[in-house]
N, C-alpha and C. Protein backbone atom coordinates (compact mmCIF):
# COMPACT_ATOMS: atom_id res chain seq x y z
N MET A 1 17.44 -24.39 -71.66
CA MET A 1 18.54 -23.52 -72.40
C MET A 1 19.51 -23.26 -71.56
N GLU A 2 19.00 -24.08 -70.30
CA GLU A 2 19.90 -23.23 -68.92
C GLU A 2 21.42 -24.31 -68.89
N ASN A 3 20.51 -26.25 -69.89
CA ASN A 3 22.55 -26.45 -70.14
C ASN A 3 22.92 -25.82 -71.02
N LYS A 4 22.53 -25.40 -72.27
CA LYS A 4 23.32 -25.25 -73.26
C LYS A 4 24.05 -23.83 -73.46
N ILE A 5 23.65 -23.07 -72.07
CA ILE A 5 24.12 -21.75 -72.12
C ILE A 5 25.53 -22.32 -70.77
N ALA A 6 25.03 -22.60 -70.18
CA ALA A 6 25.61 -23.80 -69.16
C ALA A 6 27.43 -24.04 -70.10
N LYS A 7 27.27 -24.72 -71.06
CA LYS A 7 27.97 -25.53 -71.50
C LYS A 7 28.97 -24.79 -72.49
N GLN A 8 28.66 -23.94 -72.79
CA GLN A 8 29.19 -22.56 -74.40
C GLN A 8 29.55 -21.14 -73.05
N GLU A 9 30.95 -22.21 -72.01
CA GLU A 9 30.98 -20.40 -71.57
C GLU A 9 32.35 -20.07 -72.13
N ILE A 10 32.19 -18.86 -71.86
CA ILE A 10 33.64 -18.56 -72.78
C ILE A 10 34.56 -17.40 -72.20
N VAL A 11 35.90 -17.16 -71.43
CA VAL A 11 36.05 -15.17 -71.74
C VAL A 11 36.39 -15.00 -72.33
N ILE A 12 35.36 -13.12 -71.87
CA ILE A 12 35.32 -12.57 -73.16
C ILE A 12 35.88 -11.80 -72.07
N TYR A 13 36.19 -11.06 -70.97
CA TYR A 13 37.76 -10.26 -70.30
C TYR A 13 38.54 -11.17 -69.35
N SER A 14 40.10 -10.17 -69.44
CA SER A 14 40.71 -10.73 -68.52
C SER A 14 41.04 -10.12 -67.82
N GLY A 15 41.14 -9.48 -66.44
CA GLY A 15 41.31 -8.27 -66.04
C GLY A 15 42.73 -8.24 -65.76
N LYS A 16 43.40 -7.64 -64.45
CA LYS A 16 45.17 -7.91 -63.70
C LYS A 16 44.50 -9.22 -62.59
N ASN A 17 43.32 -9.62 -62.29
CA ASN A 17 43.34 -10.60 -61.42
C ASN A 17 42.52 -11.76 -62.13
N GLY A 18 42.97 -12.09 -62.87
CA GLY A 18 41.99 -12.93 -63.90
C GLY A 18 41.47 -12.83 -64.06
N GLU A 19 40.75 -14.03 -65.23
CA GLU A 19 39.47 -14.40 -66.23
C GLU A 19 38.92 -14.41 -65.04
N VAL A 20 37.48 -13.41 -66.08
CA VAL A 20 35.61 -13.29 -65.67
C VAL A 20 35.49 -14.26 -66.67
N LYS A 21 34.99 -15.94 -66.01
CA LYS A 21 33.92 -16.61 -67.35
C LYS A 21 32.57 -15.93 -67.50
N LEU A 22 31.58 -16.04 -68.21
CA LEU A 22 30.45 -15.50 -68.76
C LEU A 22 30.37 -16.73 -69.87
N ASN A 23 28.79 -16.67 -69.59
CA ASN A 23 27.24 -17.61 -70.69
C ASN A 23 27.97 -16.68 -71.54
N ALA A 24 28.31 -17.54 -73.22
CA ALA A 24 28.14 -16.91 -74.80
C ALA A 24 26.12 -17.94 -74.41
N ASP A 25 25.99 -17.37 -75.64
CA ASP A 25 24.12 -17.44 -75.95
C ASP A 25 24.84 -17.01 -77.33
N PHE A 26 25.24 -18.25 -78.14
CA PHE A 26 25.73 -17.60 -79.49
C PHE A 26 25.03 -17.16 -80.93
N ARG A 27 24.32 -18.42 -80.07
CA ARG A 27 22.50 -18.30 -81.73
C ARG A 27 22.49 -16.76 -81.36
N ASN A 28 22.51 -16.17 -79.89
CA ASN A 28 21.78 -14.36 -80.18
C ASN A 28 22.78 -13.72 -79.91
N GLU A 29 24.28 -14.11 -80.36
CA GLU A 29 25.42 -13.04 -80.80
C GLU A 29 25.73 -12.03 -79.28
N THR A 30 25.00 -13.04 -77.77
CA THR A 30 25.42 -11.89 -76.88
C THR A 30 26.32 -13.20 -75.77
N VAL A 31 27.33 -12.68 -74.67
CA VAL A 31 26.73 -13.07 -73.61
C VAL A 31 25.71 -12.99 -71.96
N TRP A 32 25.90 -14.02 -71.44
CA TRP A 32 24.68 -13.63 -70.44
C TRP A 32 25.62 -13.57 -68.55
N ALA A 33 25.48 -12.70 -67.89
CA ALA A 33 26.11 -12.58 -66.61
C ALA A 33 24.65 -12.15 -65.11
N THR A 34 25.73 -12.78 -64.76
CA THR A 34 24.85 -11.90 -63.01
C THR A 34 24.79 -10.80 -63.08
N GLN A 35 24.27 -10.70 -62.27
CA GLN A 35 23.84 -9.14 -61.20
C GLN A 35 25.86 -9.61 -60.72
N LEU A 36 26.02 -10.88 -59.42
CA LEU A 36 26.74 -10.93 -59.22
C LEU A 36 28.21 -10.94 -59.73
N GLN A 37 28.13 -11.88 -61.07
CA GLN A 37 29.40 -11.35 -62.17
C GLN A 37 30.17 -10.45 -62.37
N ILE A 38 28.69 -9.58 -63.08
CA ILE A 38 29.15 -8.05 -63.27
C ILE A 38 30.27 -7.42 -62.39
N ALA A 39 29.19 -7.56 -60.81
CA ALA A 39 30.02 -7.22 -59.71
C ALA A 39 31.14 -6.83 -59.96
N ASP A 40 31.07 -8.81 -59.54
CA ASP A 40 33.10 -8.95 -59.98
C ASP A 40 33.90 -8.61 -60.64
N ILE A 41 32.91 -8.93 -61.91
CA ILE A 41 33.81 -7.66 -63.10
C ILE A 41 34.71 -5.83 -63.51
N PHE A 42 32.91 -5.71 -62.55
CA PHE A 42 33.87 -4.32 -61.96
C PHE A 42 34.31 -4.35 -60.80
N GLY A 43 34.52 -5.03 -59.55
CA GLY A 43 35.17 -4.93 -58.88
C GLY A 43 34.15 -3.58 -57.88
N ILE A 44 32.55 -4.77 -57.93
CA ILE A 44 32.24 -3.41 -56.63
C ILE A 44 31.03 -3.94 -55.88
N ASP A 45 30.16 -4.11 -55.32
CA ASP A 45 29.07 -3.94 -54.51
C ASP A 45 27.72 -4.53 -55.46
N ARG A 46 27.30 -5.48 -55.10
CA ARG A 46 26.06 -6.02 -56.17
C ARG A 46 24.68 -5.04 -56.18
N SER A 47 24.52 -4.65 -54.56
CA SER A 47 23.75 -3.07 -54.42
C SER A 47 23.80 -1.84 -55.61
N GLY A 48 25.66 -2.09 -55.96
CA GLY A 48 25.73 -0.66 -56.77
C GLY A 48 25.73 -1.17 -58.83
N ILE A 49 25.47 -2.25 -58.28
CA ILE A 49 25.28 -3.04 -59.65
C ILE A 49 23.42 -2.60 -60.11
N THR A 50 22.59 -3.81 -58.93
CA THR A 50 21.17 -3.71 -59.25
C THR A 50 21.07 -1.74 -59.40
N LYS A 51 21.18 -0.91 -59.18
CA LYS A 51 21.10 0.47 -58.93
C LYS A 51 21.37 1.16 -60.60
N HIS A 52 23.35 0.45 -60.72
CA HIS A 52 22.94 1.63 -62.87
C HIS A 52 21.88 0.47 -63.09
N ILE A 53 21.63 -1.54 -63.40
CA ILE A 53 20.49 -1.87 -64.14
C ILE A 53 19.54 -1.17 -64.09
N ASN A 54 18.41 -1.22 -63.03
CA ASN A 54 17.42 -0.27 -63.17
C ASN A 54 17.48 0.78 -63.97
N LYS A 55 17.92 1.66 -63.66
CA LYS A 55 18.47 2.85 -63.92
C LYS A 55 18.66 2.64 -65.74
N ILE A 56 19.31 1.49 -65.70
CA ILE A 56 19.42 2.02 -67.72
C ILE A 56 18.19 1.12 -68.37
N ILE A 57 17.78 0.28 -67.82
CA ILE A 57 15.68 -0.57 -68.08
C ILE A 57 15.19 1.14 -68.12
N SER A 58 15.12 1.35 -66.40
CA SER A 58 13.57 2.39 -66.46
C SER A 58 13.97 3.60 -67.38
N SER A 59 15.08 4.31 -67.98
CA SER A 59 15.74 4.88 -68.33
C SER A 59 15.03 4.73 -70.47
N GLY A 60 15.15 3.48 -70.10
CA GLY A 60 14.76 2.96 -71.50
C GLY A 60 15.74 2.88 -72.27
N GLU A 61 16.91 2.40 -71.97
CA GLU A 61 18.63 2.71 -73.04
C GLU A 61 18.66 1.27 -73.77
N ILE A 62 18.23 0.64 -72.44
CA ILE A 62 17.96 -1.01 -73.17
C ILE A 62 16.76 -0.97 -72.86
N ASN A 63 15.95 -1.44 -73.69
CA ASN A 63 15.59 -3.16 -73.65
C ASN A 63 14.93 -4.78 -73.03
N LYS A 64 14.13 -4.33 -71.30
CA LYS A 64 14.36 -5.41 -70.10
C LYS A 64 14.30 -6.51 -71.77
N LYS A 65 13.30 -6.52 -72.41
CA LYS A 65 12.16 -7.61 -72.33
C LYS A 65 13.40 -8.75 -73.57
N SER A 66 13.68 -7.90 -74.14
CA SER A 66 15.30 -8.89 -75.12
C SER A 66 16.40 -9.22 -74.08
N ASN A 67 16.87 -8.60 -73.07
CA ASN A 67 18.35 -8.74 -72.84
C ASN A 67 18.26 -8.61 -71.29
N VAL A 68 17.47 -8.69 -70.68
CA VAL A 68 17.38 -10.07 -69.14
C VAL A 68 16.32 -11.21 -69.65
N HIS A 69 16.71 -11.93 -69.11
CA HIS A 69 16.17 -13.33 -68.70
C HIS A 69 16.60 -14.35 -67.45
N PHE A 70 15.87 -15.01 -67.34
CA PHE A 70 15.60 -15.66 -66.36
C PHE A 70 16.17 -17.06 -66.05
N LEU A 71 16.92 -17.95 -65.30
CA LEU A 71 16.53 -19.01 -65.79
C LEU A 71 17.10 -19.55 -64.32
N HIS A 72 16.19 -21.09 -63.68
CA HIS A 72 16.05 -21.53 -62.90
C HIS A 72 17.78 -22.54 -62.97
N ILE A 73 18.62 -22.78 -62.49
CA ILE A 73 19.15 -22.71 -60.88
C ILE A 73 19.34 -23.62 -59.99
N ALA A 74 20.26 -24.54 -59.53
CA ALA A 74 20.15 -26.00 -59.20
C ALA A 74 20.63 -25.28 -57.44
N ASN A 75 19.94 -25.50 -56.93
CA ASN A 75 19.91 -25.22 -55.38
C ASN A 75 19.32 -23.83 -55.26
N SER A 76 18.26 -22.99 -56.31
CA SER A 76 17.78 -22.29 -56.00
C SER A 76 16.50 -22.27 -56.16
N ASP A 77 15.95 -21.33 -54.51
CA ASP A 77 14.61 -21.43 -54.98
C ASP A 77 13.68 -20.28 -55.84
N LYS A 78 13.45 -19.74 -56.57
CA LYS A 78 13.47 -18.85 -57.68
C LYS A 78 14.25 -18.49 -58.33
N PRO A 79 13.90 -18.23 -60.42
CA PRO A 79 14.58 -18.10 -61.26
C PRO A 79 15.92 -16.72 -61.06
N VAL A 80 17.57 -17.36 -61.33
CA VAL A 80 18.06 -16.28 -61.56
C VAL A 80 18.12 -15.41 -62.55
N ALA A 81 18.80 -14.08 -62.00
CA ALA A 81 17.80 -12.99 -63.75
C ALA A 81 19.08 -13.22 -64.60
N PHE A 82 19.54 -13.60 -65.74
CA PHE A 82 20.80 -13.26 -66.27
C PHE A 82 20.71 -12.01 -67.23
N TYR A 83 22.11 -10.64 -66.97
CA TYR A 83 22.24 -9.70 -68.02
C TYR A 83 23.16 -10.28 -68.93
N SER A 84 22.28 -9.41 -70.94
CA SER A 84 23.10 -9.01 -71.61
C SER A 84 24.06 -8.97 -72.33
N LEU A 85 25.06 -9.44 -72.70
CA LEU A 85 26.51 -8.02 -72.90
C LEU A 85 25.81 -6.63 -72.91
N ASP A 86 24.47 -5.90 -74.04
CA ASP A 86 24.31 -4.87 -74.21
C ASP A 86 23.75 -3.52 -72.32
N ILE A 87 23.63 -4.87 -71.36
CA ILE A 87 23.26 -4.12 -69.88
C ILE A 87 25.04 -4.18 -69.11
N ILE A 88 25.76 -4.72 -69.87
CA ILE A 88 27.10 -5.12 -69.02
C ILE A 88 27.52 -4.34 -68.64
N LEU A 89 27.72 -3.87 -70.81
CA LEU A 89 29.00 -2.99 -71.12
C LEU A 89 28.54 -1.19 -71.19
N SER A 90 27.01 -1.22 -70.69
CA SER A 90 26.75 -0.06 -70.39
C SER A 90 26.48 0.89 -68.82
N VAL A 91 26.03 -1.13 -68.21
CA VAL A 91 26.59 -0.46 -66.83
C VAL A 91 28.05 -0.62 -66.24
N GLY A 92 29.16 -1.02 -67.13
CA GLY A 92 30.46 -0.93 -66.99
C GLY A 92 30.74 0.71 -67.06
N TYR A 93 29.88 1.31 -67.84
CA TYR A 93 30.55 2.53 -68.41
C TYR A 93 29.85 4.04 -67.28
N ARG A 94 29.43 3.23 -66.86
CA ARG A 94 28.14 3.95 -65.26
C ARG A 94 29.31 4.05 -64.13
N VAL A 95 30.10 2.64 -63.82
CA VAL A 95 29.86 1.97 -62.20
C VAL A 95 31.56 2.98 -62.74
N ASN A 96 32.12 3.44 -61.06
CA ASN A 96 33.06 4.49 -60.83
C ASN A 96 34.47 3.39 -60.44
N SER A 97 35.73 3.05 -60.46
CA SER A 97 36.48 1.72 -59.85
C SER A 97 37.49 1.27 -60.87
N ALA A 98 38.05 0.98 -60.24
CA ALA A 98 39.20 0.76 -60.50
C ALA A 98 38.89 -0.29 -62.10
N LYS A 99 38.81 -1.48 -61.25
CA LYS A 99 38.26 -2.44 -62.40
C LYS A 99 36.82 -1.95 -63.37
N ALA A 100 36.16 -1.38 -63.27
CA ALA A 100 35.69 -0.59 -64.16
C ALA A 100 36.67 0.55 -65.17
N MET A 101 37.88 1.08 -64.71
CA MET A 101 38.10 2.04 -65.53
C MET A 101 38.82 1.03 -66.44
N GLU A 102 39.99 -0.48 -65.80
CA GLU A 102 40.26 -1.61 -66.62
C GLU A 102 39.57 -1.52 -67.77
N PHE A 103 38.40 -1.64 -67.16
CA PHE A 103 37.65 -2.61 -68.21
C PHE A 103 37.19 -1.38 -69.62
N ARG A 104 36.58 -0.19 -69.40
CA ARG A 104 36.86 0.65 -69.99
C ARG A 104 38.05 -0.15 -71.45
N LYS A 105 38.87 0.97 -70.89
CA LYS A 105 40.26 0.83 -71.76
C LYS A 105 40.21 -0.39 -72.65
N TRP A 106 40.23 -1.85 -72.53
CA TRP A 106 40.03 -2.66 -72.56
C TRP A 106 38.84 -2.65 -73.94
N VAL A 107 38.11 -2.57 -73.49
CA VAL A 107 36.17 -2.10 -74.97
C VAL A 107 37.21 -1.64 -75.45
N ASN A 108 37.57 -0.27 -75.40
CA ASN A 108 37.95 0.55 -76.32
C ASN A 108 39.40 0.19 -77.30
N SER A 109 39.70 -0.19 -76.48
CA SER A 109 41.10 -0.99 -77.39
C SER A 109 40.40 -1.44 -78.37
N ILE A 110 39.44 -2.45 -78.02
CA ILE A 110 39.04 -3.51 -79.11
C ILE A 110 38.46 -2.91 -79.85
N LEU A 111 37.80 -1.86 -79.28
CA LEU A 111 36.82 -0.69 -80.74
C LEU A 111 37.49 -0.10 -81.54
N LYS A 112 38.74 0.37 -81.03
CA LYS A 112 39.44 0.98 -81.68
C LYS A 112 40.07 0.30 -82.60
N GLU A 113 40.32 -1.04 -82.42
CA GLU A 113 40.66 -1.51 -83.53
C GLU A 113 40.03 -2.52 -84.81
N TYR A 114 38.22 -2.72 -83.59
CA TYR A 114 37.90 -3.08 -84.66
C TYR A 114 37.43 -1.63 -86.35
N LEU A 115 37.33 -0.29 -85.44
CA LEU A 115 37.82 -0.02 -86.72
C LEU A 115 39.36 1.07 -86.93
N LEU A 116 38.87 0.91 -86.32
CA LEU A 116 40.93 0.41 -88.30
C LEU A 116 40.85 0.31 -88.56
N ASN A 117 40.86 -1.64 -88.19
CA ASN A 117 41.58 -2.98 -88.84
C ASN A 117 39.97 -3.45 -89.72
N GLY A 118 38.68 -3.01 -89.24
CA GLY A 118 37.80 -4.08 -89.84
C GLY A 118 37.50 -5.09 -89.05
N VAL A 119 38.17 -5.57 -87.89
CA VAL A 119 38.01 -6.71 -87.94
C VAL A 119 39.30 -6.84 -86.07
N ILE A 120 38.84 -7.78 -85.39
CA ILE A 120 39.30 -8.54 -84.27
C ILE A 120 39.77 -9.59 -84.65
N ILE A 121 41.11 -10.17 -84.28
CA ILE A 121 41.51 -11.22 -83.35
C ILE A 121 41.93 -11.69 -82.21
N ASN A 122 41.35 -12.89 -82.07
CA ASN A 122 41.34 -13.63 -80.45
C ASN A 122 42.58 -14.42 -81.20
N GLN A 123 43.46 -14.21 -80.99
CA GLN A 123 44.65 -15.02 -81.57
C GLN A 123 45.50 -16.12 -80.35
N SER A 124 44.74 -15.86 -79.24
CA SER A 124 45.13 -17.02 -78.07
C SER A 124 43.63 -18.23 -79.15
N ARG A 125 42.58 -18.34 -78.83
CA ARG A 125 41.58 -18.41 -79.30
C ARG A 125 42.18 -19.93 -81.37
N LEU A 126 43.16 -19.12 -82.27
CA LEU A 126 43.52 -18.59 -82.91
C LEU A 126 44.53 -20.20 -83.34
N ASP A 127 45.18 -19.61 -81.61
CA ASP A 127 46.58 -20.25 -81.79
C ASP A 127 45.57 -21.75 -81.21
N GLN A 128 44.59 -22.20 -80.27
CA GLN A 128 44.05 -22.98 -80.08
C GLN A 128 43.71 -24.52 -81.42
N LEU A 129 43.21 -23.33 -82.04
CA LEU A 129 42.67 -23.75 -83.63
C LEU A 129 43.87 -24.82 -83.97
N ASN A 130 44.88 -23.73 -84.45
CA ASN A 130 46.29 -23.95 -85.67
C ASN A 130 46.96 -25.18 -84.58
N LYS A 131 46.84 -25.32 -82.74
CA LYS A 131 47.54 -26.98 -82.05
C LYS A 131 46.60 -27.75 -82.65
N THR A 132 44.47 -27.36 -82.71
CA THR A 132 43.72 -28.85 -82.83
C THR A 132 44.29 -29.08 -84.35
N ILE A 133 44.43 -28.38 -84.94
CA ILE A 133 44.59 -29.36 -86.52
C ILE A 133 45.73 -29.94 -86.53
N GLU A 134 46.82 -29.58 -85.80
CA GLU A 134 48.27 -29.71 -85.93
C GLU A 134 47.69 -30.95 -85.39
N ILE A 135 46.98 -31.83 -84.96
CA ILE A 135 46.64 -33.30 -83.90
C ILE A 135 45.81 -33.36 -84.37
N ILE A 136 44.95 -32.96 -85.04
CA ILE A 136 44.35 -34.49 -85.27
C ILE A 136 45.20 -34.18 -87.25
N SER A 137 45.85 -33.66 -87.75
CA SER A 137 46.79 -33.86 -88.49
C SER A 137 47.30 -35.47 -89.09
N ARG A 138 47.98 -35.61 -87.32
CA ARG A 138 48.98 -36.73 -87.04
C ARG A 138 47.94 -37.93 -86.88
N SER A 139 46.61 -37.80 -87.84
CA SER A 139 45.98 -39.04 -87.81
C SER A 139 46.48 -40.51 -88.60
N SER A 140 46.52 -41.20 -88.30
CA SER A 140 46.44 -42.37 -89.24
C SER A 140 45.52 -42.72 -90.34
N ILE A 141 44.16 -42.05 -89.92
CA ILE A 141 42.75 -41.88 -90.81
C ILE A 141 42.82 -41.05 -91.76
N PRO A 142 42.92 -42.10 -92.87
CA PRO A 142 43.87 -40.36 -93.77
C PRO A 142 41.93 -39.61 -94.19
N GLU A 143 41.21 -40.31 -94.83
CA GLU A 143 40.19 -39.58 -94.09
C GLU A 143 40.46 -37.80 -93.32
N ILE A 144 40.88 -38.08 -91.94
CA ILE A 144 40.91 -37.00 -91.12
C ILE A 144 42.51 -36.53 -90.77
N SER A 145 43.47 -36.88 -91.41
CA SER A 145 44.60 -35.99 -91.89
C SER A 145 44.26 -34.76 -93.04
N GLY A 146 43.33 -35.91 -93.90
CA GLY A 146 43.45 -34.65 -94.98
C GLY A 146 42.09 -34.05 -94.72
N VAL A 147 41.11 -33.46 -94.28
CA VAL A 147 40.74 -32.52 -93.72
C VAL A 147 41.71 -32.20 -92.87
N ALA A 148 42.48 -32.42 -92.32
CA ALA A 148 43.67 -31.39 -91.13
C ALA A 148 44.30 -30.91 -92.48
N SER A 149 44.93 -31.07 -92.96
CA SER A 149 45.70 -31.23 -94.46
C SER A 149 44.79 -29.21 -95.30
N ILE A 150 43.66 -29.59 -94.97
CA ILE A 150 43.21 -28.81 -96.05
C ILE A 150 42.85 -27.24 -94.62
N LEU A 151 42.05 -27.56 -93.78
CA LEU A 151 42.00 -26.75 -92.68
C LEU A 151 43.70 -25.79 -92.37
N GLN A 152 44.72 -26.37 -92.55
CA GLN A 152 45.89 -26.23 -92.17
C GLN A 152 46.00 -24.84 -93.47
N ASN A 153 46.10 -25.14 -94.36
CA ASN A 153 46.13 -24.68 -95.59
C ASN A 153 45.94 -22.69 -95.26
N TYR A 154 43.93 -23.55 -95.20
CA TYR A 154 43.16 -22.31 -95.19
C TYR A 154 43.31 -21.16 -94.26
N THR A 155 44.05 -22.13 -93.07
CA THR A 155 44.95 -20.67 -92.08
C THR A 155 46.35 -20.44 -92.01
N LYS A 156 46.94 -20.93 -92.93
CA LYS A 156 48.12 -20.27 -93.31
C LYS A 156 47.28 -18.90 -94.13
N GLY A 157 46.37 -19.82 -95.34
CA GLY A 157 45.26 -18.86 -95.90
C GLY A 157 45.12 -17.51 -95.76
N LEU A 158 44.42 -17.11 -94.20
CA LEU A 158 43.46 -16.29 -93.38
C LEU A 158 44.23 -15.67 -93.05
N GLY A 159 45.90 -16.75 -92.50
CA GLY A 159 46.68 -15.29 -92.02
C GLY A 159 47.75 -14.20 -92.81
N LEU A 160 47.83 -15.19 -93.69
CA LEU A 160 48.72 -14.05 -95.08
C LEU A 160 47.56 -12.77 -95.37
N LEU A 161 46.29 -13.36 -95.63
CA LEU A 161 44.98 -11.62 -95.37
C LEU A 161 44.83 -11.20 -94.24
N ASP A 162 44.83 -11.54 -93.42
CA ASP A 162 45.11 -10.89 -92.34
C ASP A 162 46.27 -9.62 -92.43
N ASN A 163 47.58 -10.53 -92.57
CA ASN A 163 49.18 -9.64 -92.73
C ASN A 163 48.62 -8.42 -94.00
N TYR A 164 47.99 -8.66 -95.35
CA TYR A 164 48.37 -8.23 -95.97
C TYR A 164 47.00 -6.81 -95.87
N ASP A 165 45.71 -7.48 -95.57
CA ASP A 165 45.17 -6.04 -94.35
C ASP A 165 45.71 -5.15 -93.91
N ARG A 166 46.32 -5.43 -93.08
CA ARG A 166 47.49 -4.73 -92.21
C ARG A 166 48.49 -3.76 -92.63
N GLN A 167 48.92 -4.45 -93.89
CA GLN A 167 50.10 -4.29 -94.25
C GLN A 167 50.65 -3.96 -93.72
N GLU A 168 51.25 -5.53 -93.51
CA GLU A 168 51.98 -6.17 -92.67
C GLU A 168 52.91 -7.31 -94.25
N PHE A 169 52.72 -7.32 -94.66
CA PHE A 169 52.77 -8.28 -95.64
C PHE A 169 53.59 -7.94 -96.79
N SER A 170 54.89 -8.54 -96.22
CA SER A 170 56.72 -8.60 -96.92
C SER A 170 56.62 -8.77 -97.96
N ASN A 171 57.69 -7.89 -98.96
CA ASN A 171 58.13 -9.57 -100.14
C ASN A 171 58.51 -10.54 -99.47
N PRO A 172 58.82 -11.29 -99.81
CA PRO A 172 59.65 -12.93 -99.40
C PRO A 172 60.64 -13.57 -99.58
N LYS A 173 61.50 -13.57 -99.27
CA LYS A 173 63.29 -14.16 -99.94
C LYS A 173 63.03 -14.93 -101.03
N ASN A 174 63.09 -14.85 -101.95
CA ASN A 174 63.62 -15.79 -103.24
C ASN A 174 64.11 -16.86 -102.83
N LYS A 175 63.01 -17.66 -102.27
CA LYS A 175 64.64 -19.43 -102.00
C LYS A 175 64.29 -19.97 -102.78
N ASN A 176 63.24 -20.20 -103.75
CA ASN A 176 63.24 -21.18 -104.44
C ASN A 176 63.69 -20.87 -106.57
N LYS A 177 64.68 -20.58 -106.11
CA LYS A 177 64.99 -19.80 -107.54
C LYS A 177 65.03 -21.14 -108.50
N GLY A 178 64.90 -20.51 -109.63
CA GLY A 178 64.46 -21.93 -110.03
C GLY A 178 63.21 -22.46 -110.66
N LYS A 179 62.30 -22.08 -109.88
CA LYS A 179 60.86 -22.27 -110.13
C LYS A 179 60.32 -21.07 -111.03
N TRP A 180 59.58 -21.56 -112.06
CA TRP A 180 58.48 -20.91 -112.38
C TRP A 180 58.05 -20.14 -111.18
N GLN A 181 57.64 -18.43 -111.13
CA GLN A 181 56.58 -17.02 -110.56
C GLN A 181 55.44 -16.79 -111.93
N LEU A 182 54.62 -16.36 -111.48
CA LEU A 182 53.57 -15.33 -111.57
C LEU A 182 54.35 -13.80 -111.87
N THR A 183 54.48 -13.50 -112.53
CA THR A 183 54.53 -11.69 -113.07
C THR A 183 53.25 -11.34 -112.97
N TYR A 184 54.09 -9.60 -112.62
CA TYR A 184 52.45 -8.47 -112.66
C TYR A 184 52.38 -9.07 -114.44
N LYS A 185 52.90 -9.30 -115.16
CA LYS A 185 52.55 -9.19 -116.82
C LYS A 185 51.25 -10.30 -116.72
N GLU A 186 52.18 -11.41 -116.44
CA GLU A 186 51.00 -12.90 -116.90
C GLU A 186 49.32 -12.41 -115.63
N ALA A 187 49.88 -11.11 -114.61
CA ALA A 187 48.42 -12.06 -113.75
C ALA A 187 47.52 -11.26 -114.56
N ILE A 188 48.12 -10.44 -115.57
CA ILE A 188 47.06 -9.36 -115.28
C ILE A 188 46.28 -10.16 -116.72
N TYR A 189 46.64 -10.40 -117.67
CA TYR A 189 46.36 -10.64 -118.39
C TYR A 189 45.04 -12.46 -118.33
N PHE A 190 46.39 -12.81 -117.51
CA PHE A 190 45.05 -14.66 -116.86
C PHE A 190 43.80 -13.93 -115.97
N THR A 191 43.62 -12.32 -116.07
CA THR A 191 42.44 -12.21 -115.07
C THR A 191 41.83 -11.46 -115.94
């Protein structure tokens, strides 16, 4: 498990002073962080993080068994505790620091976007996907470039659906005059 977690490192939060990388566990849909990483996110001493985590667990707010994992790390005498996203968020709402306030604002904006739009778009990861598809579409192997073409059409479709859901879908200018266009009446007839 140690190797899998180490290879699946993602950035879940980027504050004013840079990125904080945390270990992703996609199978269990969470991320994992040590007390030191959590302290870095919120800009406080590790002892403060320990105090908050102990209170969160002892109060029964979060179950320790499923939210704390101990992993053996190279050059460490004993296993290191990693804490789940649930604990990270709970600590974030208890800590009183400028970094914690910045983090809470970020979390609240994500939650608001999800509640209002029903989805969160990670634009940088979507841009990375589009760039990757663009690169593999240049392949001289027809099977690979063909798959890239299908993926390009799929991602364009996702973009159109996202614009429609956000009510940002505009009627395109008719640049293709002379081509057949589906009318509303025809669309109703075929459905």
